[in-house]
C-alpha atoms as a PDB file:
ATOM      1  CA  MET A   1      49.166 -38.656  21.042  1.00  0.00           C
ATOM      2  CA  GLU A   2      49.399 -42.352  20.346  1.00  0.00           C
ATOM      3  CA  THR A   3      52.289 -44.677  20.493  1.00  0.00           C
ATOM      4  CA  GLY A   4      52.123 -48.272  19.213  1.00  0.00           C
ATOM      5  CA  ARG A   5      48.409 -49.246  18.906  1.00  0.00           C
ATOM      6  CA  SER A   6      45.885 -46.359  18.423  1.00  0.00           C
ATOM      7  CA  SER A   7      44.330 -45.181  21.582  1.00  0.00           C
ATOM      8  CA  ASN A   8      40.650 -44.869  22.478  1.00  0.00           C
ATOM      9  CA  SER A   9      40.552 -41.264  23.072  1.00  0.00           C
ATOM     10  CA  ALA A  10      37.527 -38.863  21.908  1.00  0.00           C
ATOM     11  CA  ASP A  11      39.524 -37.759  18.936  1.00  0.00           C
ATOM     12  CA  ASP A  12      39.497 -41.586  17.693  1.00  0.00           C
ATOM     13  CA  LYS A  13      35.667 -41.430  17.531  1.00  0.00           C
ATOM     14  CA  ALA A  14      35.871 -38.618  14.977  1.00  0.00           C
ATOM     15  CA  PRO A  15      34.462 -39.723  11.555  1.00  0.00           C
ATOM     16  CA  GLN A  16      37.261 -41.857   9.742  1.00  0.00           C
ATOM     17  CA  ALA A  17      38.492 -41.594   6.200  1.00  0.00           C
ATOM     18  CA  VAL A  18      40.696 -44.452   6.625  1.00  0.00           C
ATOM     19  CA  ARG A  19      40.877 -47.217   9.305  1.00  0.00           C
ATOM     20  CA  VAL A  20      43.349 -49.818   8.979  1.00  0.00           C
ATOM     21  CA  SER A  21      43.387 -52.706  11.657  1.00  0.00           C
ATOM     22  CA  ALA A  22      46.034 -55.292  12.416  1.00  0.00           C
ATOM     23  CA  LEU A  23      47.427 -55.888   8.838  1.00  0.00           C
ATOM     24  CA  VAL A  24      49.811 -58.578   8.364  1.00  0.00           C
ATOM     25  CA  LYS A  25      51.635 -58.861   5.025  1.00  0.00           C
ATOM     26  CA  HIS A  26      54.697 -61.076   4.279  1.00  0.00           C
ATOM     27  CA  TYR A  27      56.956 -61.357   1.097  1.00  0.00           C
ATOM     28  CA  GLY A  28      58.110 -64.966   1.427  1.00  0.00           C
ATOM     29  CA  SER A  29      59.696 -65.237   4.808  1.00  0.00           C
ATOM     30  CA  MET A  30      60.086 -61.453   5.212  1.00  0.00           C
ATOM     31  CA  LEU A  31      57.415 -59.676   7.380  1.00  0.00           C
ATOM     32  CA  ALA A  32      56.474 -56.267   5.714  1.00  0.00           C
ATOM     33  CA  LEU A  33      53.525 -55.385   7.861  1.00  0.00           C
ATOM     34  CA  ASP A  34      53.336 -56.517  11.451  1.00  0.00           C
ATOM     35  CA  HIS A  35      49.660 -55.848  12.751  1.00  0.00           C
ATOM     36  CA  PHE A  36      49.919 -52.405  11.392  1.00  0.00           C
ATOM     37  CA  ASP A  37      47.205 -50.052  12.454  1.00  0.00           C
ATOM     38  CA  LEU A  38      46.239 -46.544  11.260  1.00  0.00           C
ATOM     39  CA  ASP A  39      43.398 -44.137  11.616  1.00  0.00           C
ATOM     40  CA  VAL A  40      43.085 -41.256   9.378  1.00  0.00           C
ATOM     41  CA  ARG A  41      40.305 -38.644  10.232  1.00  0.00           C
ATOM     42  CA  ARG A  42      38.221 -37.211   7.631  1.00  0.00           C
ATOM     43  CA  GLY A  43      39.375 -33.612   6.641  1.00  0.00           C
ATOM     44  CA  GLU A  44      43.025 -33.824   7.983  1.00  0.00           C
ATOM     45  CA  ILE A  45      46.405 -34.112   6.385  1.00  0.00           C
ATOM     46  CA  LEU A  46      48.235 -37.133   7.883  1.00  0.00           C
ATOM     47  CA  GLY A  47      52.058 -37.466   7.282  1.00  0.00           C
ATOM     48  CA  LEU A  48      53.334 -40.920   7.106  1.00  0.00           C
ATOM     49  CA  LEU A  49      56.949 -41.354   7.792  1.00  0.00           C
ATOM     50  CA  GLY A  50      59.545 -44.169   7.979  1.00  0.00           C
ATOM     51  CA  PRO A  51      62.986 -45.127   6.666  1.00  0.00           C
ATOM     52  CA  ASN A  52      63.306 -47.040   3.546  1.00  0.00           C
ATOM     53  CA  GLY A  53      61.999 -50.600   4.072  1.00  0.00           C
ATOM     54  CA  SER A  54      59.776 -49.613   6.881  1.00  0.00           C
ATOM     55  CA  GLY A  55      56.577 -50.823   5.026  1.00  0.00           C
ATOM     56  CA  LYS A  56      55.180 -47.304   3.988  1.00  0.00           C
ATOM     57  CA  THR A  57      54.843 -48.316   0.252  1.00  0.00           C
ATOM     58  CA  THR A  58      53.343 -51.730   1.167  1.00  0.00           C
ATOM     59  CA  ALA A  59      50.899 -50.341   3.695  1.00  0.00           C
ATOM     60  CA  ILE A  60      49.601 -47.731   0.952  1.00  0.00           C
ATOM     61  CA  ASN A  61      49.207 -50.449  -1.717  1.00  0.00           C
ATOM     62  CA  CYS A  62      47.120 -52.562   0.979  1.00  0.00           C
ATOM     63  CA  MET A  63      45.007 -49.491   1.500  1.00  0.00           C
ATOM     64  CA  LEU A  64      44.468 -49.211  -2.211  1.00  0.00           C
ATOM     65  CA  ALA A  65      43.814 -52.842  -2.525  1.00  0.00           C
ATOM     66  CA  LEU A  66      46.539 -53.021  -4.913  1.00  0.00           C
ATOM     67  CA  LEU A  67      48.142 -55.911  -2.628  1.00  0.00           C
ATOM     68  CA  THR A  68      46.502 -58.674  -0.790  1.00  0.00           C
ATOM     69  CA  PHE A  69      47.429 -59.351   2.896  1.00  0.00           C
ATOM     70  CA  GLU A  70      47.212 -62.372   5.237  1.00  0.00           C
ATOM     71  CA  SER A  71      44.943 -60.851   8.039  1.00  0.00           C
ATOM     72  CA  GLY A  72      43.677 -57.469   8.972  1.00  0.00           C
ATOM     73  CA  ASP A  73      41.104 -55.191   7.617  1.00  0.00           C
ATOM     74  CA  VAL A  74      41.059 -51.888   5.569  1.00  0.00           C
ATOM     75  CA  ARG A  75      37.985 -49.661   5.694  1.00  0.00           C
ATOM     76  CA  ILE A  76      37.721 -46.451   3.490  1.00  0.00           C
ATOM     77  CA  PHE A  77      34.844 -44.083   4.518  1.00  0.00           C
ATOM     78  CA  ASP A  78      33.418 -46.817   6.707  1.00  0.00           C
ATOM     79  CA  ARG A  79      33.332 -49.285   3.890  1.00  0.00           C
ATOM     80  CA  PRO A  80      35.496 -52.376   3.230  1.00  0.00           C
ATOM     81  CA  MET A  81      38.278 -51.730   0.560  1.00  0.00           C
ATOM     82  CA  THR A  82      38.414 -54.621  -1.962  1.00  0.00           C
ATOM     83  CA  PRO A  83      39.930 -54.952  -5.218  1.00  0.00           C
ATOM     84  CA  VAL A  84      36.356 -54.526  -6.811  1.00  0.00           C
ATOM     85  CA  ALA A  85      35.110 -51.560  -4.652  1.00  0.00           C
ATOM     86  CA  TYR A  86      34.837 -49.200  -7.661  1.00  0.00           C
ATOM     87  CA  GLY A  87      32.729 -46.875  -5.906  1.00  0.00           C
ATOM     88  CA  LEU A  88      35.378 -46.271  -3.213  1.00  0.00           C
ATOM     89  CA  LYS A  89      38.078 -46.123  -5.739  1.00  0.00           C
ATOM     90  CA  ARG A  90      36.468 -43.291  -7.644  1.00  0.00           C
ATOM     91  CA  ARG A  91      36.719 -41.229  -4.499  1.00  0.00           C
ATOM     92  CA  ILE A  92      40.622 -41.853  -4.153  1.00  0.00           C
ATOM     93  CA  GLY A  93      43.354 -40.126  -6.060  1.00  0.00           C
ATOM     94  CA  VAL A  94      47.058 -41.106  -6.069  1.00  0.00           C
ATOM     95  CA  VAL A  95      49.916 -38.764  -6.968  1.00  0.00           C
ATOM     96  CA  PRO A  96      52.804 -41.324  -7.267  1.00  0.00           C
ATOM     97  CA  GLN A  97      56.515 -40.545  -6.469  1.00  0.00           C
ATOM     98  CA  GLU A  98      57.461 -41.344  -9.976  1.00  0.00           C
ATOM     99  CA  VAL A  99      55.948 -39.354 -12.788  1.00  0.00           C
ATOM    100  CA  ALA A 100      53.346 -41.367 -14.289  1.00  0.00           C
ATOM    101  CA  VAL A 101      52.061 -39.630 -17.524  1.00  0.00           C
ATOM    102  CA  PHE A 102      52.026 -40.562 -21.217  1.00  0.00           C
ATOM    103  CA  ASN A 103      54.616 -38.957 -23.177  1.00  0.00           C
ATOM    104  CA  GLU A 104      52.955 -39.064 -26.656  1.00  0.00           C
ATOM    105  CA  LEU A 105      50.072 -37.261 -25.119  1.00  0.00           C
ATOM    106  CA  THR A 106      49.615 -33.233 -24.433  1.00  0.00           C
ATOM    107  CA  VAL A 107      49.337 -31.898 -20.954  1.00  0.00           C
ATOM    108  CA  ARG A 108      45.614 -31.507 -21.463  1.00  0.00           C
ATOM    109  CA  GLU A 109      45.248 -34.874 -22.903  1.00  0.00           C
ATOM    110  CA  ASN A 110      47.102 -36.664 -20.118  1.00  0.00           C
ATOM    111  CA  ILE A 111      44.801 -34.989 -17.450  1.00  0.00           C
ATOM    112  CA  ASP A 112      41.713 -35.781 -19.502  1.00  0.00           C
ATOM    113  CA  TYR A 113      42.944 -39.346 -19.901  1.00  0.00           C
ATOM    114  CA  PHE A 114      43.440 -40.058 -16.209  1.00  0.00           C
ATOM    115  CA  CYS A 115      40.029 -38.302 -15.343  1.00  0.00           C
ATOM    116  CA  SER A 116      38.245 -40.443 -17.880  1.00  0.00           C
ATOM    117  CA  LEU A 117      39.217 -43.534 -15.754  1.00  0.00           C
ATOM    118  CA  TYR A 118      36.656 -42.286 -13.240  1.00  0.00           C
ATOM    119  CA  VAL A 119      34.407 -39.816 -15.136  1.00  0.00           C
ATOM    120  CA  PRO A 120      33.413 -41.558 -18.426  1.00  0.00           C
ATOM    121  CA  LYS A 121      31.295 -38.683 -20.132  1.00  0.00           C
ATOM    122  CA  ARG A 122      33.590 -35.873 -21.712  1.00  0.00           C
ATOM    123  CA  SER A 123      30.960 -33.337 -20.997  1.00  0.00           C
ATOM    124  CA  ASP A 124      31.340 -33.969 -17.285  1.00  0.00           C
ATOM    125  CA  ARG A 125      35.126 -34.229 -17.630  1.00  0.00           C
ATOM    126  CA  THR A 126      35.781 -30.897 -19.359  1.00  0.00           C
ATOM    127  CA  PRO A 127      35.221 -28.508 -16.377  1.00  0.00           C
ATOM    128  CA  MET A 128      37.162 -30.987 -14.091  1.00  0.00           C
ATOM    129  CA  VAL A 129      40.097 -30.911 -16.425  1.00  0.00           C
ATOM    130  CA  ASN A 130      40.107 -27.159 -16.781  1.00  0.00           C
ATOM    131  CA  ASP A 131      39.821 -26.703 -12.985  1.00  0.00           C
ATOM    132  CA  ALA A 132      42.741 -29.049 -12.506  1.00  0.00           C
ATOM    133  CA  MET A 133      45.011 -27.233 -15.146  1.00  0.00           C
ATOM    134  CA  ALA A 134      44.084 -24.027 -13.414  1.00  0.00           C
ATOM    135  CA  PHE A 135      44.766 -25.436  -9.929  1.00  0.00           C
ATOM    136  CA  VAL A 136      48.394 -26.287 -10.773  1.00  0.00           C
ATOM    137  CA  ASP A 137      48.786 -23.462 -12.997  1.00  0.00           C
ATOM    138  CA  LEU A 138      49.288 -25.196 -16.475  1.00  0.00           C
ATOM    139  CA  ASN A 139      47.098 -23.398 -18.635  1.00  0.00           C
ATOM    140  CA  ASP A 140      49.961 -21.948 -20.616  1.00  0.00           C
ATOM    141  CA  TYR A 141      51.368 -25.414 -21.255  1.00  0.00           C
ATOM    142  CA  ALA A 142      48.020 -27.135 -22.362  1.00  0.00           C
ATOM    143  CA  GLN A 143      49.483 -28.264 -25.628  1.00  0.00           C
ATOM    144  CA  TYR A 144      53.067 -29.145 -24.665  1.00  0.00           C
ATOM    145  CA  ARG A 145      53.964 -32.740 -24.428  1.00  0.00           C
ATOM    146  CA  PRO A 146      55.724 -33.967 -21.059  1.00  0.00           C
ATOM    147  CA  GLY A 147      59.158 -34.113 -22.791  1.00  0.00           C
ATOM    148  CA  LYS A 148      59.253 -30.294 -23.087  1.00  0.00           C
ATOM    149  CA  LEU A 149      58.411 -29.565 -19.561  1.00  0.00           C
ATOM    150  CA  SER A 150      60.696 -28.995 -16.610  1.00  0.00           C
ATOM    151  CA  GLY A 151      60.942 -31.085 -13.486  1.00  0.00           C
ATOM    152  CA  GLY A 152      58.716 -28.919 -11.295  1.00  0.00           C
ATOM    153  CA  LEU A 153      56.019 -28.690 -14.286  1.00  0.00           C
ATOM    154  CA  LEU A 154      55.958 -32.417 -14.634  1.00  0.00           C
ATOM    155  CA  ARG A 155      55.387 -32.719 -10.873  1.00  0.00           C
ATOM    156  CA  ARG A 156      52.578 -30.348 -11.272  1.00  0.00           C
ATOM    157  CA  LEU A 157      51.145 -32.261 -14.145  1.00  0.00           C
ATOM    158  CA  ASN A 158      51.421 -35.459 -12.052  1.00  0.00           C
ATOM    159  CA  ILE A 159      49.521 -33.842  -9.396  1.00  0.00           C
ATOM    160  CA  ALA A 160      46.748 -32.596 -11.942  1.00  0.00           C
ATOM    161  CA  CYS A 161      46.325 -36.225 -13.400  1.00  0.00           C
ATOM    162  CA  GLY A 162      45.743 -37.607  -9.669  1.00  0.00           C
ATOM    163  CA  ILE A 163      43.288 -34.746  -8.681  1.00  0.00           C
ATOM    164  CA  ALA A 164      41.211 -33.925 -11.719  1.00  0.00           C
ATOM    165  CA  HIS A 165      38.155 -36.354 -10.798  1.00  0.00           C
ATOM    166  CA  ARG A 166      38.037 -34.475  -7.658  1.00  0.00           C
ATOM    167  CA  PRO A 167      38.690 -37.255  -5.083  1.00  0.00           C
ATOM    168  CA  ASP A 168      37.791 -37.166  -1.456  1.00  0.00           C
ATOM    169  CA  LEU A 169      40.922 -38.959  -0.372  1.00  0.00           C
ATOM    170  CA  LEU A 170      44.438 -38.184  -1.761  1.00  0.00           C
ATOM    171  CA  PHE A 171      47.688 -40.062  -1.296  1.00  0.00           C
ATOM    172  CA  PHE A 172      50.682 -38.037  -2.109  1.00  0.00           C
ATOM    173  CA  ASP A 173      53.811 -39.882  -2.330  1.00  0.00           C
ATOM    174  CA  GLU A 174      56.968 -37.704  -2.425  1.00  0.00           C
ATOM    175  CA  PRO A 175      55.425 -35.042  -4.658  1.00  0.00           C
ATOM    176  CA  THR A 176      58.222 -32.563  -4.218  1.00  0.00           C
ATOM    177  CA  VAL A 177      61.254 -34.740  -5.092  1.00  0.00           C
ATOM    178  CA  ALA A 178      63.866 -32.926  -7.313  1.00  0.00           C
ATOM    179  CA  VAL A 179      61.748 -29.865  -7.818  1.00  0.00           C
ATOM    180  CA  ASP A 180      62.840 -26.307  -7.475  1.00  0.00           C
ATOM    181  CA  PRO A 181      61.972 -24.269  -4.276  1.00  0.00           C
ATOM    182  CA  GLN A 182      59.299 -22.091  -6.074  1.00  0.00           C
ATOM    183  CA  SER A 183      57.504 -25.217  -7.493  1.00  0.00           C
ATOM    184  CA  ARG A 184      57.844 -26.901  -4.126  1.00  0.00           C
ATOM    185  CA  ASN A 185      56.028 -24.051  -2.355  1.00  0.00           C
ATOM    186  CA  ALA A 186      53.338 -24.193  -5.140  1.00  0.00           C
ATOM    187  CA  ILE A 187      52.866 -27.887  -4.625  1.00  0.00           C
ATOM    188  CA  LEU A 188      52.596 -27.422  -0.791  1.00  0.00           C
ATOM    189  CA  GLU A 189      50.130 -24.602  -0.922  1.00  0.00           C
ATOM    190  CA  GLY A 190      48.001 -26.600  -3.502  1.00  0.00           C
ATOM    191  CA  ILE A 191      47.796 -29.673  -1.129  1.00  0.00           C
ATOM    192  CA  GLU A 192      46.761 -27.370   1.757  1.00  0.00           C
ATOM    193  CA  ARG A 193      44.052 -25.670  -0.643  1.00  0.00           C
ATOM    194  CA  LEU A 194      42.674 -29.093  -1.612  1.00  0.00           C
ATOM    195  CA  ASN A 195      42.553 -30.017   2.041  1.00  0.00           C
ATOM    196  CA  ARG A 196      40.758 -26.817   2.866  1.00  0.00           C
ATOM    197  CA  GLU A 197      38.187 -27.676   0.059  1.00  0.00           C
ATOM    198  CA  GLY A 198      37.422 -30.922   1.782  1.00  0.00           C
ATOM    199  CA  ALA A 199      39.936 -33.462   0.741  1.00  0.00           C
ATOM    200  CA  THR A 200      41.725 -36.014   3.073  1.00  0.00           C
ATOM    201  CA  VAL A 201      45.247 -36.202   2.507  1.00  0.00           C
ATOM    202  CA  ILE A 202      47.833 -39.054   3.265  1.00  0.00           C
ATOM    203  CA  TYR A 203      51.230 -37.490   2.570  1.00  0.00           C
ATOM    204  CA  THR A 204      54.716 -39.168   2.535  1.00  0.00           C
ATOM    205  CA  SER A 205      57.961 -37.142   2.082  1.00  0.00           C
ATOM    206  CA  HIS A 206      61.755 -37.289   3.064  1.00  0.00           C
ATOM    207  CA  TYR A 207      61.492 -33.687   3.823  1.00  0.00           C
ATOM    208  CA  MET A 208      60.799 -33.046   7.694  1.00  0.00           C
ATOM    209  CA  GLU A 209      60.095 -29.454   7.192  1.00  0.00           C
ATOM    210  CA  GLU A 210      57.322 -30.175   4.581  1.00  0.00           C
ATOM    211  CA  VAL A 211      55.742 -32.686   6.950  1.00  0.00           C
ATOM    212  CA  GLU A 212      55.875 -30.500   9.931  1.00  0.00           C
ATOM    213  CA  GLN A 213      54.430 -27.422   7.740  1.00  0.00           C
ATOM    214  CA  ILE A 214      51.428 -28.932   6.391  1.00  0.00           C
ATOM    215  CA  CYS A 215      50.201 -32.040   8.451  1.00  0.00           C
ATOM    216  CA  ASP A 216      47.851 -32.034  11.196  1.00  0.00           C
ATOM    217  CA  ARG A 217      49.218 -35.472  12.557  1.00  0.00           C
ATOM    218  CA  ILE A 218      52.425 -37.543  11.720  1.00  0.00           C
ATOM    219  CA  MET A 219      52.703 -41.229  11.958  1.00  0.00           C
ATOM    220  CA  ILE A 220      56.169 -42.746  12.343  1.00  0.00           C
ATOM    221  CA  MET A 221      56.495 -46.383  11.265  1.00  0.00           C
ATOM    222  CA  ASP A 222      59.227 -48.871  11.149  1.00  0.00           C
ATOM    223  CA  HIS A 223      59.671 -52.592  10.628  1.00  0.00           C
ATOM    224  CA  GLY A 224      55.964 -52.703   9.405  1.00  0.00           C
ATOM    225  CA  ARG A 225      54.347 -51.320  12.440  1.00  0.00           C
ATOM    226  CA  GLN A 226      53.249 -48.110  14.071  1.00  0.00           C
ATOM    227  CA  LEU A 227      55.837 -46.578  16.461  1.00  0.00           C
ATOM    228  CA  ALA A 228      54.173 -43.316  17.422  1.00  0.00           C
ATOM    229  CA  LEU A 229      51.224 -41.030  16.046  1.00  0.00           C
ATOM    230  CA  GLY A 230      50.504 -37.453  17.033  1.00  0.00           C
ATOM    231  CA  THR A 231      51.156 -33.828  16.208  1.00  0.00           C
ATOM    232  CA  ALA A 232      54.525 -32.594  15.724  1.00  0.00           C
ATOM    233  CA  ASP A 233      54.650 -31.156  19.179  1.00  0.00           C
ATOM    234  CA  GLU A 234      53.224 -34.201  20.679  1.00  0.00           C
ATOM    235  CA  LEU A 235      56.041 -36.368  19.118  1.00  0.00           C
ATOM    236  CA  LYS A 236      58.727 -34.046  20.342  1.00  0.00           C
ATOM    237  CA  HIS A 237      57.456 -34.398  23.779  1.00  0.00           C
ATOM    238  CA  LEU A 238      57.320 -38.076  23.498  1.00  0.00           C
ATOM    239  CA  ILE A 239      61.316 -38.592  23.562  1.00  0.00           C
ATOM    240  CA  ASN A 240      61.932 -35.998  26.242  1.00  0.00           C
ATOM    241  CA  ALA A 241      64.223 -34.032  23.946  1.00  0.00           C
ATOM    242  CA  GLY A 242      65.469 -30.559  24.834  1.00  0.00           C
ATOM    243  CA  GLU A 243      67.662 -28.401  22.899  1.00  0.00           C
ATOM    244  CA  THR A 244      70.729 -29.255  20.904  1.00  0.00           C
ATOM    245  CA  ILE A 245      73.657 -27.060  21.844  1.00  0.00           C
ATOM    246  CA  THR A 246      76.591 -26.622  19.258  1.00  0.00           C
ATOM    247  CA  VAL A 247      79.859 -25.266  20.383  1.00  0.00           C
ATOM    248  CA  GLU A 248      82.497 -24.216  17.968  1.00  0.00           C
ATOM    249  CA  THR A 249      85.936 -24.716  19.644  1.00  0.00           C
ATOM    250  CA  LEU A 250      89.396 -26.140  18.895  1.00  0.00           C
ATOM    251  CA  ASP A 251      90.559 -27.191  22.533  1.00  0.00           C
ATOM    252  CA  CYS A 252      87.944 -29.841  23.773  1.00  0.00           C
ATOM    253  CA  ASP A 253      89.703 -32.665  25.012  1.00  0.00           C
ATOM    254  CA  ASP A 254      88.496 -36.104  26.142  1.00  0.00           C
ATOM    255  CA  GLN A 255      88.023 -35.032  29.975  1.00  0.00           C
ATOM    256  CA  THR A 256      85.809 -32.161  28.669  1.00  0.00           C
ATOM    257  CA  ILE A 257      83.696 -34.374  26.515  1.00  0.00           C
ATOM    258  CA  ALA A 258      83.438 -37.078  29.538  1.00  0.00           C
ATOM    259  CA  ALA A 259      82.464 -34.240  31.927  1.00  0.00           C
ATOM    260  CA  VAL A 260      79.680 -32.893  29.559  1.00  0.00           C
ATOM    261  CA  THR A 261      78.463 -36.417  28.768  1.00  0.00           C
ATOM    262  CA  ALA A 262      78.091 -37.035  32.492  1.00  0.00           C
ATOM    263  CA  MET A 263      75.635 -34.219  32.942  1.00  0.00           C
ATOM    264  CA  PRO A 264      72.401 -35.492  34.115  1.00  0.00           C
ATOM    265  CA  THR A 265      70.322 -33.694  31.315  1.00  0.00           C
ATOM    266  CA  VAL A 266      72.722 -34.616  28.424  1.00  0.00           C
ATOM    267  CA  ILE A 267      71.715 -37.437  25.950  1.00  0.00           C
ATOM    268  CA  ARG A 268      74.970 -37.392  24.143  1.00  0.00           C
ATOM    269  CA  ALA A 269      77.850 -35.263  23.228  1.00  0.00           C
ATOM    270  CA  THR A 270      80.037 -35.726  20.109  1.00  0.00           C
ATOM    271  CA  TYR A 271      83.230 -33.668  19.001  1.00  0.00           C
ATOM    272  CA  ASP A 272      84.549 -33.762  15.463  1.00  0.00           C
ATOM    273  CA  GLY A 273      87.632 -31.698  16.164  1.00  0.00           C
ATOM    274  CA  THR A 274      85.944 -28.166  15.511  1.00  0.00           C
ATOM    275  CA  SER A 275      82.568 -28.496  16.860  1.00  0.00           C
ATOM    276  CA  LEU A 276      80.954 -29.964  20.030  1.00  0.00           C
ATOM    277  CA  GLU A 277      77.410 -30.958  19.707  1.00  0.00           C
ATOM    278  CA  ILE A 278      75.378 -31.725  22.871  1.00  0.00           C
ATOM    279  CA  ARG A 279      71.834 -33.146  22.776  1.00  0.00           C
ATOM    280  CA  CYS A 280      70.038 -32.541  25.801  1.00  0.00           C
ATOM    281  CA  ARG A 281      66.720 -33.778  27.557  1.00  0.00           C
ATOM    282  CA  GLN A 282      64.263 -31.156  28.542  1.00  0.00           C
ATOM    283  CA  GLY A 283      65.621 -28.957  31.246  1.00  0.00           C
ATOM    284  CA  GLN A 284      65.351 -25.263  32.405  1.00  0.00           C
ATOM    285  CA  ARG A 285      69.323 -24.671  32.701  1.00  0.00           C
ATOM    286  CA  ASN A 286      70.726 -26.873  30.100  1.00  0.00           C
ATOM    287  CA  LEU A 287      72.700 -23.967  28.281  1.00  0.00           C
ATOM    288  CA  MET A 288      73.936 -22.406  31.584  1.00  0.00           C
ATOM    289  CA  ASP A 289      74.871 -25.830  32.855  1.00  0.00           C
ATOM    290  CA  VAL A 290      76.853 -26.520  29.758  1.00  0.00           C
ATOM    291  CA  LEU A 291      78.438 -23.348  29.851  1.00  0.00           C
ATOM    292  CA  ASP A 292      79.644 -23.925  33.345  1.00  0.00           C
ATOM    293  CA  VAL A 293      81.347 -27.245  32.750  1.00  0.00           C
ATOM    294  CA  LEU A 294      83.252 -25.755  29.588  1.00  0.00           C
ATOM    295  CA  THR A 295      84.260 -22.700  31.622  1.00  0.00           C
ATOM    296  CA  ARG A 296      85.643 -25.023  34.222  1.00  0.00           C
ATOM    297  CA  HIS A 297      87.599 -26.943  31.673  1.00  0.00           C
ATOM    298  CA  HIS A 298      88.937 -23.700  30.081  1.00  0.00           C
ATOM    299  CA  VAL A 299      87.420 -24.232  26.752  1.00  0.00           C
ATOM    300  CA  HIS A 300      87.525 -21.304  24.460  1.00  0.00           C
ATOM    301  CA  ILE A 301      84.164 -20.964  22.606  1.00  0.00           C
ATOM    302  CA  GLY A 302      84.231 -19.547  19.046  1.00  0.00           C
ATOM    303  CA  HIS A 303      80.507 -19.624  18.444  1.00  0.00           C
ATOM    304  CA  LEU A 304      77.465 -21.161  20.141  1.00  0.00           C
ATOM    305  CA  THR A 305      74.043 -21.972  19.134  1.00  0.00           C
ATOM    306  CA  SER A 306      71.039 -23.576  20.635  1.00  0.00           C
ATOM    307  CA  ARG A 307      68.219 -25.071  18.730  1.00  0.00           C
ATOM    308  CA  PRO A 308      64.955 -26.636  20.007  1.00  0.00           C
ATOM    309  CA  PRO A 309      64.090 -30.194  19.269  1.00  0.00           C
ATOM    310  CA  THR A 310      63.004 -31.155  15.875  1.00  0.00           C
ATOM    311  CA  LEU A 311      60.937 -33.727  14.104  1.00  0.00           C
ATOM    312  CA  ASN A 312      64.170 -35.270  12.891  1.00  0.00           C
ATOM    313  CA  ASP A 313      65.326 -35.776  16.343  1.00  0.00           C
ATOM    314  CA  VAL A 314      62.228 -37.742  17.081  1.00  0.00           C
ATOM    315  CA  PHE A 315      62.566 -39.760  14.089  1.00  0.00           C
ATOM    316  CA  LEU A 316      66.217 -40.714  14.856  1.00  0.00           C
ATOM    317  CA  GLU A 317      65.427 -41.588  18.331  1.00  0.00           C
ATOM    318  CA  LEU A 318      62.516 -43.817  17.459  1.00  0.00           C
ATOM    319  CA  THR A 319      64.062 -45.635  14.528  1.00  0.00           C
ATOM    320  CA  GLY A 320      67.698 -45.205  15.157  1.00  0.00           C
ATOM    321  CA  LYS A 321      67.833 -44.144  11.334  1.00  0.00           C
ATOM    322  CA  ALA A 322      67.875 -40.716   9.502  1.00  0.00           C
ATOM    323  CA  LEU A 323      64.753 -40.362   7.224  1.00  0.00           C
ATOM    324  CA  ARG A 324      66.758 -40.445   4.077  1.00  0.00           C
ATOM    325  CA  ASP A 325      68.799 -43.752   5.149  1.00  0.00           C
END
């Protein structure tokens, strides 16, 4: 696990798909990237998380050489990334958050057009377009125009346009926003399949469960810099978080809340009049100790649950914000 700057562990010597070093980027007087570092290993899915305004989009646009920056370095597949590095750009695919297709073209024509930006010969493109359509299961909609497609099908078309040229490095920016659960599952399974077939993936999402499901490592950033980088389990251990205990009760007074809060392993306790939520540090007897305190204060418990720490707990602890803020 790494926090702040990347560590020099053996894993860091693994072949890199992306290496970003000490990027600094301003918008006027606002510092958007503050010596930002990121290493992405070849063949992994890396989740990039940050609250709105954290610098994610700026970082991605700098990696893609769509933005200039004051200092630092971006290397893709061990080569410097520049606005005219067309050989590198042909190896990259981008699936933006906003659906970016042409309404006057059919599904097949859209995929073929975006593929043609990288593969000029139609004879070379045709099997690629066919594969991309089959990959996202759009064969039955080949002659439809985007205006006739549902939100989930539009997202699939967006993905097909980004992957048709068979890139080695893929950026997915919120690919499952506003889609139904079935389409979301299909999209996530498709991303995992692309990764198994050799693609390196950088994935951003506001859905923690997606990130935890498909990402090998996760980077949390805020204020233009890296806060932490590691697997989901490593990040959970980073903040020494234990379970969150929720007690449904109608008779929890200020003295009880104070007693619970004073417990050595309790991070904080909040009560809304019907539910007492207690966030704990790691400990062997958290639940039993909480029950002992509540029993001594004669609290009647309607229902009690205990859940392990989540990635959202980590994010909230490190940034002070919920991911969707």
